[in-house]
């Protein structure tokens, strides 16, 4: 079964610090832009939540694998904490680590 997912980490100031299309199938560029639009529109809905946390993880998906999604978020959260603990990383800036990107995509293949 082919699934599609778009994952984003948003800073406290509504700035995306990490975005990834983590689909199991390749999507057209138009679909990727549509996913980004939906995620950014969802930020308006959860804006109140952003005041109570320093970062927000959002996942747009079309699967009903709740256990897999929970495991995905738990492991990505651990990766994100490691990024924050890096003394060279400036909180709220773009995550450009290829290691982080590779691990997130691997976790998406594993759980989503």
PDB file of N, CA and C in Angstrom:
ATOM      1  N   UNK A   1       0.834  -1.172   0.000  1.00  0.00           N
ATOM      2  CA  UNK A   1       0.000   0.000   0.000  1.00  0.00           C
ATOM      3  C   UNK A   1       0.883   1.241   0.000  1.00  0.00           C
ATOM      4  N   UNK A   2       0.678   2.126  -0.933  1.00  0.00           N
ATOM      5  CA  UNK A   2       1.454   3.353  -1.026  1.00  0.00           C
ATOM      6  C   UNK A   2       0.864   4.389  -0.096  1.00  0.00           C
ATOM      7  N   UNK A   3       1.733   5.052   0.633  1.00  0.00           N
ATOM      8  CA  UNK A   3       1.252   6.112   1.517  1.00  0.00           C
ATOM      9  C   UNK A   3       2.025   7.388   1.228  1.00  0.00           C
ATOM     10  N   UNK A   4       1.445   8.464   1.648  1.00  0.00           N
ATOM     11  CA  UNK A   4       2.097   9.754   1.467  1.00  0.00           C
ATOM     12  C   UNK A   4       2.153  10.464   2.804  1.00  0.00           C
ATOM     13  N   UNK A   5       3.233  11.169   3.031  1.00  0.00           N
ATOM     14  CA  UNK A   5       3.380  11.917   4.268  1.00  0.00           C
ATOM     15  C   UNK A   5       4.325  13.080   4.044  1.00  0.00           C
ATOM     16  N   UNK A   6       4.033  14.158   4.707  1.00  0.00           N
ATOM     17  CA  UNK A   6       4.880  15.340   4.685  1.00  0.00           C
ATOM     18  C   UNK A   6       5.117  15.711   6.139  1.00  0.00           C
ATOM     19  N   UNK A   7       6.362  15.850   6.532  1.00  0.00           N
ATOM     20  CA  UNK A   7       6.718  16.110   7.928  1.00  0.00           C
ATOM     21  C   UNK A   7       7.369  17.476   8.036  1.00  0.00           C
ATOM     22  N   UNK A   8       7.027  18.207   9.100  1.00  0.00           N
ATOM     23  CA  UNK A   8       7.581  19.547   9.292  1.00  0.00           C
ATOM     24  C   UNK A   8       7.806  19.805  10.782  1.00  0.00           C
ATOM     25  N   UNK A   9       8.897  20.495  11.082  1.00  0.00           N
ATOM     26  CA  UNK A   9       9.161  20.991  12.431  1.00  0.00           C
ATOM     27  C   UNK A   9       9.114  22.508  12.327  1.00  0.00           C
ATOM     28  N   UNK A  10       8.319  23.123  13.196  1.00  0.00           N
ATOM     29  CA  UNK A  10       8.100  24.566  13.144  1.00  0.00           C
ATOM     30  C   UNK A  10       8.611  25.191  14.438  1.00  0.00           C
ATOM     31  N   UNK A  11       9.330  26.306  14.311  1.00  0.00           N
ATOM     32  CA  UNK A  11       9.839  27.000  15.495  1.00  0.00           C
ATOM     33  C   UNK A  11       8.722  27.783  16.168  1.00  0.00           C
ATOM     34  N   UNK A  12       9.021  28.326  17.295  1.00  0.00           N
ATOM     35  CA  UNK A  12       8.067  29.103  18.074  1.00  0.00           C
ATOM     36  C   UNK A  12       7.533  30.297  17.282  1.00  0.00           C
ATOM     37  N   UNK A  13       8.310  30.819  16.355  1.00  0.00           N
ATOM     38  CA  UNK A  13       7.921  31.988  15.568  1.00  0.00           C
ATOM     39  C   UNK A  13       7.245  31.610  14.251  1.00  0.00           C
ATOM     40  N   UNK A  14       6.693  30.409  14.161  1.00  0.00           N
ATOM     41  CA  UNK A  14       6.026  29.908  12.955  1.00  0.00           C
ATOM     42  C   UNK A  14       6.958  29.834  11.751  1.00  0.00           C
ATOM     43  N   UNK A  15       8.221  29.576  12.009  1.00  0.00           N
ATOM     44  CA  UNK A  15       9.201  29.434  10.936  1.00  0.00           C
ATOM     45  C   UNK A  15       9.542  27.956  10.799  1.00  0.00           C
ATOM     46  N   UNK A  16       9.377  27.387   9.592  1.00  0.00           N
ATOM     47  CA  UNK A  16       9.732  25.978   9.419  1.00  0.00           C
ATOM     48  C   UNK A  16      11.249  25.790   9.529  1.00  0.00           C
ATOM     49  N   UNK A  17      11.667  24.927  10.450  1.00  0.00           N
ATOM     50  CA  UNK A  17      13.099  24.661  10.600  1.00  0.00           C
ATOM     51  C   UNK A  17      13.502  23.371   9.899  1.00  0.00           C
ATOM     52  N   UNK A  18      12.508  22.522   9.595  1.00  0.00           N
ATOM     53  CA  UNK A  18      12.792  21.286   8.859  1.00  0.00           C
ATOM     54  C   UNK A  18      11.519  20.857   8.141  1.00  0.00           C
ATOM     55  N   UNK A  19      11.648  20.502   6.865  1.00  0.00           N
ATOM     56  CA  UNK A  19      10.517  19.998   6.081  1.00  0.00           C
ATOM     57  C   UNK A  19      11.003  18.822   5.243  1.00  0.00           C
ATOM     58  N   UNK A  20      10.163  17.803   5.127  1.00  0.00           N
ATOM     59  CA  UNK A  20      10.530  16.662   4.301  1.00  0.00           C
ATOM     60  C   UNK A  20       9.284  15.963   3.783  1.00  0.00           C
ATOM     61  N   UNK A  21       9.291  15.666   2.490  1.00  0.00           N
ATOM     62  CA  UNK A  21       8.295  14.769   1.912  1.00  0.00           C
ATOM     63  C   UNK A  21       8.810  13.366   2.218  1.00  0.00           C
ATOM     64  N   UNK A  22       8.105  12.638   3.017  1.00  0.00           N
ATOM     65  CA  UNK A  22       8.560  11.304   3.417  1.00  0.00           C
ATOM     66  C   UNK A  22       7.619  10.240   2.874  1.00  0.00           C
ATOM     67  N   UNK A  23       7.308  10.362   1.596  1.00  0.00           N
ATOM     68  CA  UNK A  23       6.377   9.442   0.944  1.00  0.00           C
ATOM     69  C   UNK A  23       7.076   8.148   0.577  1.00  0.00           C
ATOM     70  N   UNK A  24       6.284   7.102   0.517  1.00  0.00           N
ATOM     71  CA  UNK A  24       6.821   5.837   0.039  1.00  0.00           C
ATOM     72  C   UNK A  24       6.785   5.781  -1.485  1.00  0.00           C
ATOM     73  N   UNK A  25       6.085   6.721  -2.079  1.00  0.00           N
ATOM     74  CA  UNK A  25       6.064   6.816  -3.531  1.00  0.00           C
ATOM     75  C   UNK A  25       6.472   8.227  -3.927  1.00  0.00           C
ATOM     76  N   UNK A  26       7.060   8.368  -5.079  1.00  0.00           N
ATOM     77  CA  UNK A  26       7.461   9.687  -5.542  1.00  0.00           C
ATOM     78  C   UNK A  26       6.232  10.478  -5.952  1.00  0.00           C
ATOM     79  N   UNK A  27       6.172  11.722  -5.547  1.00  0.00           N
ATOM     80  CA  UNK A  27       5.038  12.578  -5.859  1.00  0.00           C
ATOM     81  C   UNK A  27       5.473  13.685  -6.800  1.00  0.00           C
ATOM     82  N   UNK A  28       4.500  14.212  -7.524  1.00  0.00           N
ATOM     83  CA  UNK A  28       4.771  15.342  -8.396  1.00  0.00           C
ATOM     84  C   UNK A  28       5.068  16.563  -7.541  1.00  0.00           C
ATOM     85  N   UNK A  29       5.748  17.525  -8.141  1.00  0.00           N
ATOM     86  CA  UNK A  29       6.087  18.745  -7.415  1.00  0.00           C
ATOM     87  C   UNK A  29       4.826  19.466  -6.940  1.00  0.00           C
ATOM     88  N   UNK A  30       3.760  19.403  -7.734  1.00  0.00           N
ATOM     89  CA  UNK A  30       2.503  20.050  -7.346  1.00  0.00           C
ATOM     90  C   UNK A  30       1.956  19.466  -6.051  1.00  0.00           C
ATOM     91  N   UNK A  31       2.043  18.146  -5.886  1.00  0.00           N
ATOM     92  CA  UNK A  31       1.563  17.503  -4.660  1.00  0.00           C
ATOM     93  C   UNK A  31       2.410  17.935  -3.471  1.00  0.00           C
ATOM     94  N   UNK A  32       3.708  18.081  -3.676  1.00  0.00           N
ATOM     95  CA  UNK A  32       4.584  18.525  -2.596  1.00  0.00           C
ATOM     96  C   UNK A  32       4.197  19.924  -2.140  1.00  0.00           C
ATOM     97  N   UNK A  33       3.893  20.811  -3.076  1.00  0.00           N
ATOM     98  CA  UNK A  33       3.473  22.166  -2.729  1.00  0.00           C
ATOM     99  C   UNK A  33       2.114  22.147  -2.021  1.00  0.00           C
ATOM    100  N   UNK A  34       1.238  21.252  -2.446  1.00  0.00           N
ATOM    101  CA  UNK A  34      -0.067  21.137  -1.806  1.00  0.00           C
ATOM    102  C   UNK A  34       0.094  20.696  -0.355  1.00  0.00           C
ATOM    103  N   UNK A  35       0.995  19.732  -0.106  1.00  0.00           N
ATOM    104  CA  UNK A  35       1.241  19.271   1.260  1.00  0.00           C
ATOM    105  C   UNK A  35       1.763  20.410   2.127  1.00  0.00           C
ATOM    106  N   UNK A  36       2.694  21.190   1.585  1.00  0.00           N
ATOM    107  CA  UNK A  36       3.228  22.315   2.341  1.00  0.00           C
ATOM    108  C   UNK A  36       2.131  23.331   2.648  1.00  0.00           C
ATOM    109  N   UNK A  37       1.267  23.589   1.690  1.00  0.00           N
ATOM    110  CA  UNK A  37       0.170  24.532   1.890  1.00  0.00           C
ATOM    111  C   UNK A  37      -0.746  24.050   3.014  1.00  0.00           C
ATOM    112  N   UNK A  38      -1.089  22.775   2.998  1.00  0.00           N
ATOM    113  CA  UNK A  38      -1.978  22.218   4.027  1.00  0.00           C
ATOM    114  C   UNK A  38      -1.330  22.319   5.399  1.00  0.00           C
ATOM    115  N   UNK A  39      -0.032  21.975   5.478  1.00  0.00           N
ATOM    116  CA  UNK A  39       0.655  22.043   6.766  1.00  0.00           C
ATOM    117  C   UNK A  39       0.731  23.473   7.288  1.00  0.00           C
ATOM    118  N   UNK A  40       1.032  24.409   6.413  1.00  0.00           N
ATOM    119  CA  UNK A  40       1.117  25.803   6.849  1.00  0.00           C
ATOM    120  C   UNK A  40      -0.261  26.337   7.247  1.00  0.00           C
ATOM    121  N   UNK A  41      -1.308  25.900   6.564  1.00  0.00           N
ATOM    122  CA  UNK A  41      -2.661  26.296   6.945  1.00  0.00           C
ATOM    123  C   UNK A  41      -3.030  25.696   8.303  1.00  0.00           C
ATOM    124  N   UNK A  42      -2.558  24.489   8.568  1.00  0.00           N
ATOM    125  CA  UNK A  42      -2.826  23.842   9.858  1.00  0.00           C
ATOM    126  C   UNK A  42      -2.163  24.592  11.001  1.00  0.00           C
ATOM    127  N   UNK A  43      -1.086  25.308  10.711  1.00  0.00           N
ATOM    128  CA  UNK A  43      -0.424  26.095  11.751  1.00  0.00           C
ATOM    129  C   UNK A  43      -1.365  27.138  12.335  1.00  0.00           C
ATOM    130  N   UNK A  44      -2.226  27.681  11.494  1.00  0.00           N
ATOM    131  CA  UNK A  44      -3.191  28.666  11.985  1.00  0.00           C
ATOM    132  C   UNK A  44      -4.133  28.036  13.000  1.00  0.00           C
ATOM    133  N   UNK A  45      -4.499  26.790  12.785  1.00  0.00           N
ATOM    134  CA  UNK A  45      -5.434  26.102  13.675  1.00  0.00           C
ATOM    135  C   UNK A  45      -4.787  25.788  15.018  1.00  0.00           C
ATOM    136  N   UNK A  46      -3.517  25.442  14.999  1.00  0.00           N
ATOM    137  CA  UNK A  46      -2.841  25.054  16.250  1.00  0.00           C
ATOM    138  C   UNK A  46      -1.972  26.172  16.808  1.00  0.00           C
ATOM    139  N   UNK A  47      -2.229  27.387  16.398  1.00  0.00           N
ATOM    140  CA  UNK A  47      -1.409  28.518  16.830  1.00  0.00           C
ATOM    141  C   UNK A  47      -1.416  28.679  18.349  1.00  0.00           C
ATOM    142  N   UNK A  48      -2.523  28.428  18.998  1.00  0.00           N
ATOM    143  CA  UNK A  48      -2.581  28.539  20.458  1.00  0.00           C
ATOM    144  C   UNK A  48      -1.640  27.555  21.125  1.00  0.00           C
ATOM    145  N   UNK A  49      -1.497  26.371  20.557  1.00  0.00           N
ATOM    146  CA  UNK A  49      -0.596  25.372  21.107  1.00  0.00           C
ATOM    147  C   UNK A  49       0.857  25.835  21.015  1.00  0.00           C
ATOM    148  N   UNK A  50       1.178  26.577  19.990  1.00  0.00           N
ATOM    149  CA  UNK A  50       2.546  27.041  19.790  1.00  0.00           C
ATOM    150  C   UNK A  50       3.026  27.933  20.929  1.00  0.00           C
ATOM    151  N   UNK A  51       2.109  28.557  21.645  1.00  0.00           N
ATOM    152  CA  UNK A  51       2.493  29.422  22.763  1.00  0.00           C
ATOM    153  C   UNK A  51       2.958  28.614  23.965  1.00  0.00           C
ATOM    154  N   UNK A  52       2.587  27.357  24.044  1.00  0.00           N
ATOM    155  CA  UNK A  52       2.920  26.555  25.213  1.00  0.00           C
ATOM    156  C   UNK A  52       4.118  25.643  24.989  1.00  0.00           C
ATOM    157  N   UNK A  53       4.683  25.615  23.809  1.00  0.00           N
ATOM    158  CA  UNK A  53       5.804  24.738  23.511  1.00  0.00           C
ATOM    159  C   UNK A  53       6.824  25.472  22.660  1.00  0.00           C
ATOM    160  N   UNK A  54       8.068  25.016  22.708  1.00  0.00           N
ATOM    161  CA  UNK A  54       9.125  25.715  21.966  1.00  0.00           C
ATOM    162  C   UNK A  54       9.213  25.260  20.514  1.00  0.00           C
ATOM    163  N   UNK A  55       8.710  24.091  20.199  1.00  0.00           N
ATOM    164  CA  UNK A  55       8.724  23.607  18.818  1.00  0.00           C
ATOM    165  C   UNK A  55       7.497  22.738  18.598  1.00  0.00           C
ATOM    166  N   UNK A  56       7.083  22.678  17.372  1.00  0.00           N
ATOM    167  CA  UNK A  56       5.885  21.936  17.036  1.00  0.00           C
ATOM    168  C   UNK A  56       6.219  20.977  15.903  1.00  0.00           C
ATOM    169  N   UNK A  57       5.882  19.703  16.064  1.00  0.00           N
ATOM    170  CA  UNK A  57       6.093  18.706  15.030  1.00  0.00           C
ATOM    171  C   UNK A  57       4.758  18.390  14.403  1.00  0.00           C
ATOM    172  N   UNK A  58       4.682  18.480  13.081  1.00  0.00           N
ATOM    173  CA  UNK A  58       3.435  18.207  12.372  1.00  0.00           C
ATOM    174  C   UNK A  58       3.685  17.182  11.276  1.00  0.00           C
ATOM    175  N   UNK A  59       2.705  16.319  11.083  1.00  0.00           N
ATOM    176  CA  UNK A  59       2.801  15.287  10.068  1.00  0.00           C
ATOM    177  C   UNK A  59       1.489  15.215   9.311  1.00  0.00           C
ATOM    178  N   UNK A  60       1.555  15.416   8.005  1.00  0.00           N
ATOM    179  CA  UNK A  60       0.401  15.233   7.135  1.00  0.00           C
ATOM    180  C   UNK A  60       0.527  13.828   6.557  1.00  0.00           C
ATOM    181  N   UNK A  61      -0.493  13.000   6.770  1.00  0.00           N
ATOM    182  CA  UNK A  61      -0.401  11.613   6.318  1.00  0.00           C
ATOM    183  C   UNK A  61      -1.769  11.112   5.876  1.00  0.00           C
ATOM    184  N   UNK A  62      -1.745  10.005   5.147  1.00  0.00           N
ATOM    185  CA  UNK A  62      -3.010   9.409   4.716  1.00  0.00           C
ATOM    186  C   UNK A  62      -3.155   7.969   5.194  1.00  0.00           C
ATOM    187  N   UNK A  63      -2.385   7.604   6.217  1.00  0.00           N
ATOM    188  CA  UNK A  63      -2.493   6.246   6.751  1.00  0.00           C
ATOM    189  C   UNK A  63      -3.167   6.281   8.117  1.00  0.00           C
ATOM    190  N   UNK A  64      -3.600   5.122   8.583  1.00  0.00           N
ATOM    191  CA  UNK A  64      -4.255   5.019   9.886  1.00  0.00           C
ATOM    192  C   UNK A  64      -3.421   4.189  10.855  1.00  0.00           C
ATOM    193  N   UNK A  65      -2.133   4.239  10.690  1.00  0.00           N
ATOM    194  CA  UNK A  65      -1.212   3.468  11.509  1.00  0.00           C
ATOM    195  C   UNK A  65      -0.839   4.281  12.748  1.00  0.00           C
ATOM    196  N   UNK A  66      -1.712   4.317  13.745  1.00  0.00           N
ATOM    197  CA  UNK A  66      -1.505   5.159  14.923  1.00  0.00           C
ATOM    198  C   UNK A  66      -0.269   4.758  15.716  1.00  0.00           C
ATOM    199  N   UNK A  67      -0.033   3.464  15.869  1.00  0.00           N
ATOM    200  CA  UNK A  67       1.153   3.019  16.610  1.00  0.00           C
ATOM    201  C   UNK A  67       2.436   3.410  15.881  1.00  0.00           C
ATOM    202  N   UNK A  68       2.432   3.259  14.560  1.00  0.00           N
ATOM    203  CA  UNK A  68       3.600   3.633  13.773  1.00  0.00           C
ATOM    204  C   UNK A  68       3.869   5.126  13.833  1.00  0.00           C
ATOM    205  N   UNK A  69       2.803   5.922  13.776  1.00  0.00           N
ATOM    206  CA  UNK A  69       2.941   7.374  13.843  1.00  0.00           C
ATOM    207  C   UNK A  69       3.477   7.788  15.212  1.00  0.00           C
ATOM    208  N   UNK A  70       2.969   7.163  16.261  1.00  0.00           N
ATOM    209  CA  UNK A  70       3.452   7.463  17.610  1.00  0.00           C
ATOM    210  C   UNK A  70       4.937   7.127  17.736  1.00  0.00           C
ATOM    211  N   UNK A  71       5.343   5.972  17.240  1.00  0.00           N
ATOM    212  CA  UNK A  71       6.753   5.576  17.289  1.00  0.00           C
ATOM    213  C   UNK A  71       7.618   6.523  16.467  1.00  0.00           C
ATOM    214  N   UNK A  72       7.100   6.928  15.300  1.00  0.00           N
ATOM    215  CA  UNK A  72       7.818   7.877  14.449  1.00  0.00           C
ATOM    216  C   UNK A  72       8.079   9.172  15.209  1.00  0.00           C
ATOM    217  N   UNK A  73       7.043   9.724  15.828  1.00  0.00           N
ATOM    218  CA  UNK A  73       7.195  10.978  16.570  1.00  0.00           C
ATOM    219  C   UNK A  73       8.149  10.827  17.754  1.00  0.00           C
ATOM    220  N   UNK A  74       8.074   9.713  18.461  1.00  0.00           N
ATOM    221  CA  UNK A  74       8.961   9.511  19.609  1.00  0.00           C
ATOM    222  C   UNK A  74      10.427   9.497  19.176  1.00  0.00           C
ATOM    223  N   UNK A  75      10.727   8.775  18.110  1.00  0.00           N
ATOM    224  CA  UNK A  75      12.114   8.677  17.671  1.00  0.00           C
ATOM    225  C   UNK A  75      12.602   9.972  17.027  1.00  0.00           C
ATOM    226  N   UNK A  76      11.737  10.649  16.285  1.00  0.00           N
ATOM    227  CA  UNK A  76      12.132  11.938  15.702  1.00  0.00           C
ATOM    228  C   UNK A  76      12.344  12.967  16.809  1.00  0.00           C
ATOM    229  N   UNK A  77      11.527  12.907  17.846  1.00  0.00           N
ATOM    230  CA  UNK A  77      11.695  13.820  18.974  1.00  0.00           C
ATOM    231  C   UNK A  77      13.072  13.625  19.611  1.00  0.00           C
ATOM    232  N   UNK A  78      13.488  12.386  19.773  1.00  0.00           N
ATOM    233  CA  UNK A  78      14.820  12.105  20.318  1.00  0.00           C
ATOM    234  C   UNK A  78      15.912  12.680  19.415  1.00  0.00           C
ATOM    235  N   UNK A  79      15.755  12.527  18.109  1.00  0.00           N
ATOM    236  CA  UNK A  79      16.721  13.107  17.166  1.00  0.00           C
ATOM    237  C   UNK A  79      16.753  14.631  17.282  1.00  0.00           C
ATOM    238  N   UNK A  80      15.580  15.232  17.416  1.00  0.00           N
ATOM    239  CA  UNK A  80      15.482  16.686  17.522  1.00  0.00           C
ATOM    240  C   UNK A  80      16.162  17.182  18.804  1.00  0.00           C
ATOM    241  N   UNK A  81      15.977  16.464  19.890  1.00  0.00           N
ATOM    242  CA  UNK A  81      16.641  16.824  21.150  1.00  0.00           C
ATOM    243  C   UNK A  81      18.153  16.783  20.977  1.00  0.00           C
ATOM    244  N   UNK A  82      18.651  15.780  20.267  1.00  0.00           N
ATOM    245  CA  UNK A  82      20.097  15.700  20.016  1.00  0.00           C
ATOM    246  C   UNK A  82      20.577  16.897  19.209  1.00  0.00           C
ATOM    247  N   UNK A  83      19.771  17.343  18.243  1.00  0.00           N
ATOM    248  CA  UNK A  83      20.123  18.534  17.460  1.00  0.00           C
ATOM    249  C   UNK A  83      20.183  19.748  18.385  1.00  0.00           C
ATOM    250  N   UNK A  84      19.180  19.886  19.272  1.00  0.00           N
ATOM    251  CA  UNK A  84      19.148  21.028  20.189  1.00  0.00           C
ATOM    252  C   UNK A  84      20.325  21.029  21.159  1.00  0.00           C
ATOM    253  N   UNK A  85      20.811  19.847  21.513  1.00  0.00           N
ATOM    254  CA  UNK A  85      21.946  19.749  22.431  1.00  0.00           C
ATOM    255  C   UNK A  85      23.288  20.026  21.756  1.00  0.00           C
ATOM    256  N   UNK A  86      23.293  20.080  20.441  1.00  0.00           N
ATOM    257  CA  UNK A  86      24.512  20.384  19.702  1.00  0.00           C
ATOM    258  C   UNK A  86      24.900  21.839  19.964  1.00  0.00           C
ATOM    259  N   UNK A  87      26.097  22.098  20.485  1.00  0.00           N
ATOM    260  CA  UNK A  87      26.468  23.473  20.829  1.00  0.00           C
ATOM    261  C   UNK A  87      26.608  24.398  19.619  1.00  0.00           C
ATOM    262  N   UNK A  88      26.715  23.848  18.426  1.00  0.00           N
ATOM    263  CA  UNK A  88      26.870  24.664  17.225  1.00  0.00           C
ATOM    264  C   UNK A  88      25.516  25.064  16.634  1.00  0.00           C
ATOM    265  N   UNK A  89      24.468  24.331  16.983  1.00  0.00           N
ATOM    266  CA  UNK A  89      23.141  24.615  16.434  1.00  0.00           C
ATOM    267  C   UNK A  89      22.513  25.810  17.147  1.00  0.00           C
ATOM    268  N   UNK A  90      21.968  26.718  16.379  1.00  0.00           N
ATOM    269  CA  UNK A  90      21.251  27.877  16.924  1.00  0.00           C
ATOM    270  C   UNK A  90      19.761  27.535  16.929  1.00  0.00           C
ATOM    271  N   UNK A  91      19.139  27.438  18.111  1.00  0.00           N
ATOM    272  CA  UNK A  91      17.711  27.092  18.175  1.00  0.00           C
ATOM    273  C   UNK A  91      16.861  28.029  17.323  1.00  0.00           C
ATOM    274  N   UNK A  92      15.962  27.436  16.556  1.00  0.00           N
ATOM    275  CA  UNK A  92      15.084  28.201  15.682  1.00  0.00           C
ATOM    276  C   UNK A  92      15.618  28.368  14.273  1.00  0.00           C
ATOM    277  N   UNK A  93      16.868  27.951  14.039  1.00  0.00           N
ATOM    278  CA  UNK A  93      17.427  28.041  12.688  1.00  0.00           C
ATOM    279  C   UNK A  93      17.134  26.757  11.924  1.00  0.00           C
ATOM    280  N   UNK A  94      17.299  26.814  10.606  1.00  0.00           N
ATOM    281  CA  UNK A  94      17.040  25.647   9.752  1.00  0.00           C
ATOM    282  C   UNK A  94      17.941  24.487  10.153  1.00  0.00           C
ATOM    283  N   UNK A  95      17.374  23.285  10.154  1.00  0.00           N
ATOM    284  CA  UNK A  95      18.159  22.071  10.396  1.00  0.00           C
ATOM    285  C   UNK A  95      18.672  21.603   9.045  1.00  0.00           C
ATOM    286  N   UNK A  96      19.969  21.693   8.854  1.00  0.00           N
ATOM    287  CA  UNK A  96      20.568  21.347   7.573  1.00  0.00           C
ATOM    288  C   UNK A  96      21.385  20.062   7.644  1.00  0.00           C
ATOM    289  N   UNK A  97      21.354  19.395   8.759  1.00  0.00           N
ATOM    290  CA  UNK A  97      22.135  18.176   8.953  1.00  0.00           C
ATOM    291  C   UNK A  97      21.653  17.061   8.030  1.00  0.00           C
ATOM    292  N   UNK A  98      22.558  16.548   7.203  1.00  0.00           N
ATOM    293  CA  UNK A  98      22.197  15.436   6.324  1.00  0.00           C
ATOM    294  C   UNK A  98      21.949  14.170   7.146  1.00  0.00           C
ATOM    295  N   UNK A  99      22.633  14.040   8.278  1.00  0.00           N
ATOM    296  CA  UNK A  99      22.416  12.900   9.164  1.00  0.00           C
ATOM    297  C   UNK A  99      20.974  12.916   9.692  1.00  0.00           C
ATOM    298  N   UNK A 100      20.511  14.079  10.167  1.00  0.00           N
ATOM    299  CA  UNK A 100      19.150  14.218  10.674  1.00  0.00           C
ATOM    300  C   UNK A 100      18.146  13.881   9.587  1.00  0.00           C
ATOM    301  N   UNK A 101      18.361  14.434   8.399  1.00  0.00           N
ATOM    302  CA  UNK A 101      17.457  14.197   7.273  1.00  0.00           C
ATOM    303  C   UNK A 101      17.391  12.711   6.922  1.00  0.00           C
ATOM    304  N   UNK A 102      18.539  12.071   6.853  1.00  0.00           N
ATOM    305  CA  UNK A 102      18.593  10.642   6.528  1.00  0.00           C
ATOM    306  C   UNK A 102      17.873   9.808   7.579  1.00  0.00           C
ATOM    307  N   UNK A 103      18.090  10.134   8.847  1.00  0.00           N
ATOM    308  CA  UNK A 103      17.446   9.380   9.928  1.00  0.00           C
ATOM    309  C   UNK A 103      15.920   9.573   9.910  1.00  0.00           C
ATOM    310  N   UNK A 104      15.453  10.807   9.694  1.00  0.00           N
ATOM    311  CA  UNK A 104      14.008  11.063   9.650  1.00  0.00           C
ATOM    312  C   UNK A 104      13.378  10.285   8.506  1.00  0.00           C
ATOM    313  N   UNK A 105      14.006  10.319   7.344  1.00  0.00           N
ATOM    314  CA  UNK A 105      13.465   9.583   6.195  1.00  0.00           C
ATOM    315  C   UNK A 105      13.484   8.070   6.445  1.00  0.00           C
ATOM    316  N   UNK A 106      14.517   7.579   7.111  1.00  0.00           N
ATOM    317  CA  UNK A 106      14.585   6.162   7.458  1.00  0.00           C
ATOM    318  C   UNK A 106      13.479   5.770   8.431  1.00  0.00           C
ATOM    319  N   UNK A 107      13.232   6.642   9.418  1.00  0.00           N
ATOM    320  CA  UNK A 107      12.158   6.380  10.370  1.00  0.00           C
ATOM    321  C   UNK A 107      10.788   6.415   9.687  1.00  0.00           C
ATOM    322  N   UNK A 108      10.636   7.293   8.723  1.00  0.00           N
ATOM    323  CA  UNK A 108       9.378   7.361   7.975  1.00  0.00           C
ATOM    324  C   UNK A 108       9.156   6.068   7.196  1.00  0.00           C
ATOM    325  N   UNK A 109      10.208   5.568   6.557  1.00  0.00           N
ATOM    326  CA  UNK A 109      10.063   4.289   5.833  1.00  0.00           C
ATOM    327  C   UNK A 109       9.736   3.152   6.802  1.00  0.00           C
ATOM    328  N   UNK A 110      10.319   3.196   7.984  1.00  0.00           N
ATOM    329  CA  UNK A 110      10.123   2.129   8.968  1.00  0.00           C
ATOM    330  C   UNK A 110       8.715   2.149   9.579  1.00  0.00           C
ATOM    331  N   UNK A 111       8.233   3.338   9.936  1.00  0.00           N
ATOM    332  CA  UNK A 111       6.983   3.441  10.696  1.00  0.00           C
ATOM    333  C   UNK A 111       5.766   3.896   9.913  1.00  0.00           C
ATOM    334  N   UNK A 112       5.981   4.648   8.848  1.00  0.00           N
ATOM    335  CA  UNK A 112       4.828   5.181   8.131  1.00  0.00           C
ATOM    336  C   UNK A 112       4.615   4.365   6.903  1.00  0.00           C
TER     337      UNK A 112
END
